[in-house]
Amino acid sequence: MQETKGFITAIDGKKQNPKKKIYWTYTINGKWATKVVTQQKVANKDKVKFTLDKVK
């Protein structure tokens, strides 16, 4: 994973594309995360899902 200022920019070589408004986002237990990845705390049983998708 690569990040800049707490925002995910690439995972496993798959990079975001700001020109096309495609970004990495993530959810925790099905809810959008409210903090940047470097500040978000998770518990052992939390389910974290990262998605590379177009953001409106």
Protein backbone atom coordinates (compact mmCIF):
# COMPACT_ATOMS: atom_id res chain seq x y z
CA MET A 1 0.00 0.00 0.00
CA GLN A 2 1.18 3.51 -0.78
CA GLU A 3 -0.24 6.61 0.83
CA THR A 4 0.22 10.37 0.75
CA LYS A 5 -0.87 12.48 3.72
CA GLY A 6 -2.95 9.55 4.98
CA PHE A 7 -4.81 9.01 1.71
CA ILE A 8 -4.32 5.70 -0.10
CA THR A 9 -2.78 6.23 -3.54
CA ALA A 10 -1.99 2.63 -4.58
CA ILE A 11 -2.49 -0.96 -3.48
CA ASP A 12 -0.61 -3.85 -5.10
CA GLY A 13 0.49 -1.54 -7.92
CA LYS A 14 -3.07 -0.41 -8.73
CA LYS A 15 -2.98 3.39 -8.59
CA GLN A 16 -5.72 5.95 -8.29
CA ASN A 17 -6.33 8.29 -11.24
CA PRO A 18 -7.38 11.80 -10.13
CA LYS A 19 -7.88 12.97 -13.74
CA LYS A 20 -10.62 10.33 -14.13
CA LYS A 21 -11.83 10.83 -10.51
CA ILE A 22 -10.87 7.24 -9.62
CA TYR A 23 -9.72 6.92 -6.02
CA TRP A 24 -9.14 4.34 -3.34
CA THR A 25 -11.81 4.38 -0.65
CA TYR A 26 -12.48 2.04 2.23
CA THR A 27 -15.22 0.89 4.54
CA ILE A 28 -15.14 -0.63 7.99
CA ASN A 29 -17.92 -3.08 8.78
CA GLY A 30 -19.86 -1.78 5.78
CA LYS A 31 -19.66 1.92 6.76
CA TRP A 32 -17.51 4.58 5.09
CA ALA A 33 -14.37 5.36 7.08
CA THR A 34 -14.39 8.82 8.65
CA LYS A 35 -10.63 9.30 8.96
CA VAL A 36 -7.60 9.01 6.72
CA VAL A 37 -6.05 5.55 6.74
CA THR A 38 -3.09 6.52 8.97
CA GLN A 39 -5.43 7.80 11.71
CA GLN A 40 -8.20 5.18 11.55
CA LYS A 41 -8.26 2.64 14.36
CA VAL A 42 -9.71 -0.82 13.83
CA ALA A 43 -10.46 -3.72 16.14
CA ASN A 44 -9.47 -7.35 15.56
CA LYS A 45 -12.91 -8.41 14.30
CA ASP A 46 -13.51 -5.35 12.09
CA LYS A 47 -13.93 -6.03 8.38
CA VAL A 48 -12.05 -3.51 6.24
CA LYS A 49 -12.75 -3.36 2.50
CA PHE A 50 -10.69 -1.26 0.08
CA THR A 51 -12.23 -0.26 -3.25
CA LEU A 52 -10.77 1.48 -6.32
CA ASP A 53 -13.69 3.27 -7.95
CA LYS A 54 -14.93 6.48 -9.52
CA VAL A 55 -15.95 9.06 -6.92
CA LYS A 56 -18.73 11.47 -7.80
